[in-house]
């Protein structure tokens, strides 16, 4: 089965039809998606600001990550689920959308980058000041997540 055939199959499912024909379905799903984006973005921003030494300097790096990890996990899971439901609304419309494809690539790159930052956080648990390499990795990660969010907004324009 090709990706196009999978999109055609998804478009014909009860779930897709329900979301498309529902008066509030898409709007409610999009609201959850945006709230999850806010939670994820806020937690990532707090973590980045800690790495850059702007806030929470009295707290060890590992403690900051531990405190934010549940919010980050919730944000990612909620965005994946709500994102799939948004995709199910019109899979053929998204299939040909270049911004959607770029967004997916950026999400993969951002997730890989976040994993690298996470590993570096753990390795530097006793440090109070993040080394330059961790700061650079954090800046790259935040840039990728922000770029994915921007690509998501562009989807509706293309």
C-alpha atoms as a PDB file:
ATOM      1  CA  UNK A   1       0.000   0.000   0.000  1.00  0.00           C
ATOM      2  CA  UNK A   2       1.407   3.382  -0.976  1.00  0.00           C
ATOM      3  CA  UNK A   3       1.152   6.495   1.157  1.00  0.00           C
ATOM      4  CA  UNK A   4      -1.452   7.873  -1.246  1.00  0.00           C
ATOM      5  CA  UNK A   5      -3.530   4.697  -0.940  1.00  0.00           C
ATOM      6  CA  UNK A   6      -3.256   4.874   2.853  1.00  0.00           C
ATOM      7  CA  UNK A   7      -4.508   8.480   2.727  1.00  0.00           C
ATOM      8  CA  UNK A   8      -7.430   7.438   0.516  1.00  0.00           C
ATOM      9  CA  UNK A   9      -8.261   4.610   2.938  1.00  0.00           C
ATOM     10  CA  UNK A  10      -8.082   6.953   5.945  1.00  0.00           C
ATOM     11  CA  UNK A  11     -10.349   9.471   4.221  1.00  0.00           C
ATOM     12  CA  UNK A  12     -13.043   6.795   3.908  1.00  0.00           C
ATOM     13  CA  UNK A  13     -12.915   5.672   7.575  1.00  0.00           C
ATOM     14  CA  UNK A  14     -15.681   6.461  10.054  1.00  0.00           C
ATOM     15  CA  UNK A  15     -13.269   8.568  12.073  1.00  0.00           C
ATOM     16  CA  UNK A  16     -12.380  10.791   9.129  1.00  0.00           C
ATOM     17  CA  UNK A  17     -15.999  11.159   8.048  1.00  0.00           C
ATOM     18  CA  UNK A  18     -17.068  11.947  11.622  1.00  0.00           C
ATOM     19  CA  UNK A  19     -14.463  14.684  12.010  1.00  0.00           C
ATOM     20  CA  UNK A  20     -15.234  16.162   8.573  1.00  0.00           C
ATOM     21  CA  UNK A  21     -19.002  16.179   9.064  1.00  0.00           C
ATOM     22  CA  UNK A  22     -19.001  17.238  12.708  1.00  0.00           C
ATOM     23  CA  UNK A  23     -19.871  20.839  13.426  1.00  0.00           C
ATOM     24  CA  UNK A  24     -17.280  21.165  16.200  1.00  0.00           C
ATOM     25  CA  UNK A  25     -14.989  18.154  15.674  1.00  0.00           C
ATOM     26  CA  UNK A  26     -12.118  19.815  13.864  1.00  0.00           C
ATOM     27  CA  UNK A  27     -12.280  22.940  16.031  1.00  0.00           C
ATOM     28  CA  UNK A  28     -12.140  20.981  19.287  1.00  0.00           C
ATOM     29  CA  UNK A  29      -9.276  18.835  18.057  1.00  0.00           C
ATOM     30  CA  UNK A  30      -7.389  21.912  16.890  1.00  0.00           C
ATOM     31  CA  UNK A  31      -7.953  23.524  20.293  1.00  0.00           C
ATOM     32  CA  UNK A  32      -6.401  20.495  22.021  1.00  0.00           C
ATOM     33  CA  UNK A  33      -3.532  20.589  19.527  1.00  0.00           C
ATOM     34  CA  UNK A  34      -2.834  24.257  20.238  1.00  0.00           C
ATOM     35  CA  UNK A  35      -3.068  23.808  24.027  1.00  0.00           C
ATOM     36  CA  UNK A  36      -0.623  20.905  23.795  1.00  0.00           C
ATOM     37  CA  UNK A  37       1.644  23.088  21.650  1.00  0.00           C
ATOM     38  CA  UNK A  38       1.526  25.779  24.334  1.00  0.00           C
ATOM     39  CA  UNK A  39       2.367  23.253  27.075  1.00  0.00           C
ATOM     40  CA  UNK A  40       5.211  21.723  25.076  1.00  0.00           C
ATOM     41  CA  UNK A  41       6.565  25.059  23.895  1.00  0.00           C
ATOM     42  CA  UNK A  42       6.403  26.537  27.391  1.00  0.00           C
ATOM     43  CA  UNK A  43       8.203  23.588  28.962  1.00  0.00           C
ATOM     44  CA  UNK A  44      10.872  23.596  26.247  1.00  0.00           C
ATOM     45  CA  UNK A  45      11.327  27.345  26.637  1.00  0.00           C
ATOM     46  CA  UNK A  46      11.737  27.038  30.412  1.00  0.00           C
ATOM     47  CA  UNK A  47      14.303  24.279  29.892  1.00  0.00           C
ATOM     48  CA  UNK A  48      16.169  26.348  27.317  1.00  0.00           C
ATOM     49  CA  UNK A  49      16.184  29.424  29.525  1.00  0.00           C
ATOM     50  CA  UNK A  50      17.638  27.284  32.318  1.00  0.00           C
ATOM     51  CA  UNK A  51      20.373  25.970  30.015  1.00  0.00           C
ATOM     52  CA  UNK A  52      21.225  29.530  28.976  1.00  0.00           C
ATOM     53  CA  UNK A  53      21.444  30.528  32.652  1.00  0.00           C
ATOM     54  CA  UNK A  54      18.612  33.054  32.503  1.00  0.00           C
ATOM     55  CA  UNK A  55      16.251  31.417  35.025  1.00  0.00           C
ATOM     56  CA  UNK A  56      16.288  28.730  37.742  1.00  0.00           C
ATOM     57  CA  UNK A  57      20.059  28.961  38.161  1.00  0.00           C
ATOM     58  CA  UNK A  58      19.861  27.578  41.694  1.00  0.00           C
ATOM     59  CA  UNK A  59      18.355  24.325  40.392  1.00  0.00           C
ATOM     60  CA  UNK A  60      20.606  21.604  38.887  1.00  0.00           C
ATOM     61  CA  UNK A  61      20.146  20.893  35.170  1.00  0.00           C
ATOM     62  CA  UNK A  62      18.919  17.349  35.806  1.00  0.00           C
ATOM     63  CA  UNK A  63      16.316  18.568  38.309  1.00  0.00           C
ATOM     64  CA  UNK A  64      14.999  21.066  35.762  1.00  0.00           C
ATOM     65  CA  UNK A  65      14.590  18.349  33.143  1.00  0.00           C
ATOM     66  CA  UNK A  66      12.976  15.985  35.630  1.00  0.00           C
ATOM     67  CA  UNK A  67      10.472  18.659  36.641  1.00  0.00           C
ATOM     68  CA  UNK A  68       9.616  19.482  33.030  1.00  0.00           C
ATOM     69  CA  UNK A  69       9.679  15.942  31.606  1.00  0.00           C
ATOM     70  CA  UNK A  70       6.015  15.123  32.360  1.00  0.00           C
ATOM     71  CA  UNK A  71       4.802  18.312  30.719  1.00  0.00           C
ATOM     72  CA  UNK A  72       7.032  17.673  27.712  1.00  0.00           C
ATOM     73  CA  UNK A  73       5.816  14.062  27.439  1.00  0.00           C
ATOM     74  CA  UNK A  74       2.175  15.144  27.777  1.00  0.00           C
ATOM     75  CA  UNK A  75       2.657  17.869  25.157  1.00  0.00           C
ATOM     76  CA  UNK A  76       4.275  15.512  22.669  1.00  0.00           C
ATOM     77  CA  UNK A  77       1.691  12.756  23.153  1.00  0.00           C
ATOM     78  CA  UNK A  78      -1.256  15.150  22.988  1.00  0.00           C
ATOM     79  CA  UNK A  79       0.150  16.803  19.870  1.00  0.00           C
ATOM     80  CA  UNK A  80       0.757  13.470  18.150  1.00  0.00           C
ATOM     81  CA  UNK A  81      -2.755  12.247  18.886  1.00  0.00           C
ATOM     82  CA  UNK A  82      -4.499  15.503  18.028  1.00  0.00           C
ATOM     83  CA  UNK A  83      -2.224  15.959  14.997  1.00  0.00           C
ATOM     84  CA  UNK A  84      -3.229  12.556  13.671  1.00  0.00           C
ATOM     85  CA  UNK A  85      -6.907  13.445  14.172  1.00  0.00           C
ATOM     86  CA  UNK A  86      -6.403  16.744  12.349  1.00  0.00           C
ATOM     87  CA  UNK A  87      -4.700  14.833   9.539  1.00  0.00           C
ATOM     88  CA  UNK A  88      -7.603  12.366   9.449  1.00  0.00           C
ATOM     89  CA  UNK A  89      -9.945  15.262   8.649  1.00  0.00           C
ATOM     90  CA  UNK A  90      -8.462  15.586   5.165  1.00  0.00           C
ATOM     91  CA  UNK A  91      -5.545  13.256   4.502  1.00  0.00           C
ATOM     92  CA  UNK A  92      -5.532  13.865   0.753  1.00  0.00           C
ATOM     93  CA  UNK A  93      -5.374  17.629   1.328  1.00  0.00           C
ATOM     94  CA  UNK A  94      -2.300  17.188   3.554  1.00  0.00           C
ATOM     95  CA  UNK A  95      -0.711  14.556   1.325  1.00  0.00           C
ATOM     96  CA  UNK A  96       0.143  17.101  -1.374  1.00  0.00           C
ATOM     97  CA  UNK A  97       0.933  19.981   0.982  1.00  0.00           C
ATOM     98  CA  UNK A  98       4.657  20.798   1.012  1.00  0.00           C
ATOM     99  CA  UNK A  99       4.410  22.695   4.308  1.00  0.00           C
ATOM    100  CA  UNK A 100       2.938  19.578   5.934  1.00  0.00           C
ATOM    101  CA  UNK A 101       5.829  17.460   4.678  1.00  0.00           C
ATOM    102  CA  UNK A 102       8.351  20.019   5.885  1.00  0.00           C
ATOM    103  CA  UNK A 103       6.598  20.125   9.261  1.00  0.00           C
ATOM    104  CA  UNK A 104       6.897  16.337   9.622  1.00  0.00           C
ATOM    105  CA  UNK A 105      10.615  16.467   8.780  1.00  0.00           C
ATOM    106  CA  UNK A 106      11.145  19.315  11.248  1.00  0.00           C
ATOM    107  CA  UNK A 107       9.314  17.374  13.975  1.00  0.00           C
ATOM    108  CA  UNK A 108      11.568  14.361  13.389  1.00  0.00           C
ATOM    109  CA  UNK A 109      14.665  16.556  13.496  1.00  0.00           C
ATOM    110  CA  UNK A 110      13.407  18.398  16.583  1.00  0.00           C
ATOM    111  CA  UNK A 111      12.663  15.137  18.390  1.00  0.00           C
ATOM    112  CA  UNK A 112      16.146  13.824  17.588  1.00  0.00           C
ATOM    113  CA  UNK A 113      17.686  17.106  18.722  1.00  0.00           C
ATOM    114  CA  UNK A 114      15.625  17.112  21.925  1.00  0.00           C
ATOM    115  CA  UNK A 115      16.825  13.590  22.656  1.00  0.00           C
ATOM    116  CA  UNK A 116      20.431  14.763  22.304  1.00  0.00           C
ATOM    117  CA  UNK A 117      19.772  17.685  24.645  1.00  0.00           C
ATOM    118  CA  UNK A 118      18.060  15.324  27.108  1.00  0.00           C
ATOM    119  CA  UNK A 119      21.098  13.018  27.110  1.00  0.00           C
ATOM    120  CA  UNK A 120      23.409  15.976  27.671  1.00  0.00           C
ATOM    121  CA  UNK A 121      21.186  17.197  30.518  1.00  0.00           C
ATOM    122  CA  UNK A 122      21.567  13.829  32.214  1.00  0.00           C
ATOM    123  CA  UNK A 123      25.308  13.776  31.706  1.00  0.00           C
ATOM    124  CA  UNK A 124      25.657  17.236  33.281  1.00  0.00           C
ATOM    125  CA  UNK A 125      23.418  16.652  36.298  1.00  0.00           C
ATOM    126  CA  UNK A 126      25.880  18.044  38.854  1.00  0.00           C
ATOM    127  CA  UNK A 127      26.708  21.179  36.882  1.00  0.00           C
ATOM    128  CA  UNK A 128      25.079  24.494  37.624  1.00  0.00           C
ATOM    129  CA  UNK A 129      26.311  26.151  34.415  1.00  0.00           C
ATOM    130  CA  UNK A 130      25.687  24.466  31.066  1.00  0.00           C
ATOM    131  CA  UNK A 131      28.702  24.061  28.759  1.00  0.00           C
ATOM    132  CA  UNK A 132      28.686  25.766  25.353  1.00  0.00           C
ATOM    133  CA  UNK A 133      27.948  22.517  23.471  1.00  0.00           C
ATOM    134  CA  UNK A 134      24.753  22.015  25.461  1.00  0.00           C
ATOM    135  CA  UNK A 135      23.738  25.618  24.842  1.00  0.00           C
ATOM    136  CA  UNK A 136      24.235  25.190  21.086  1.00  0.00           C
ATOM    137  CA  UNK A 137      22.285  21.906  21.048  1.00  0.00           C
ATOM    138  CA  UNK A 138      19.489  23.590  22.992  1.00  0.00           C
ATOM    139  CA  UNK A 139      19.385  26.532  20.571  1.00  0.00           C
ATOM    140  CA  UNK A 140      19.186  24.131  17.618  1.00  0.00           C
ATOM    141  CA  UNK A 141      16.423  22.129  19.309  1.00  0.00           C
ATOM    142  CA  UNK A 142      14.326  25.201  20.115  1.00  0.00           C
ATOM    143  CA  UNK A 143      14.808  26.530  16.576  1.00  0.00           C
ATOM    144  CA  UNK A 144      13.627  23.225  15.084  1.00  0.00           C
ATOM    145  CA  UNK A 145      10.528  23.087  17.310  1.00  0.00           C
ATOM    146  CA  UNK A 146       9.672  26.700  16.487  1.00  0.00           C
ATOM    147  CA  UNK A 147      10.193  26.024  12.775  1.00  0.00           C
ATOM    148  CA  UNK A 148       7.834  23.028  12.979  1.00  0.00           C
ATOM    149  CA  UNK A 149       5.194  25.251  14.602  1.00  0.00           C
ATOM    150  CA  UNK A 150       5.616  27.883  11.878  1.00  0.00           C
ATOM    151  CA  UNK A 151       5.367  25.203   9.177  1.00  0.00           C
ATOM    152  CA  UNK A 152       2.142  24.063  10.853  1.00  0.00           C
ATOM    153  CA  UNK A 153       0.685  27.542  10.470  1.00  0.00           C
ATOM    154  CA  UNK A 154       1.746  27.657   6.812  1.00  0.00           C
ATOM    155  CA  UNK A 155      -0.139  24.432   6.063  1.00  0.00           C
ATOM    156  CA  UNK A 156      -3.435  26.318   5.904  1.00  0.00           C
ATOM    157  CA  UNK A 157      -2.022  28.872   3.464  1.00  0.00           C
ATOM    158  CA  UNK A 158      -0.657  26.416   0.888  1.00  0.00           C
END
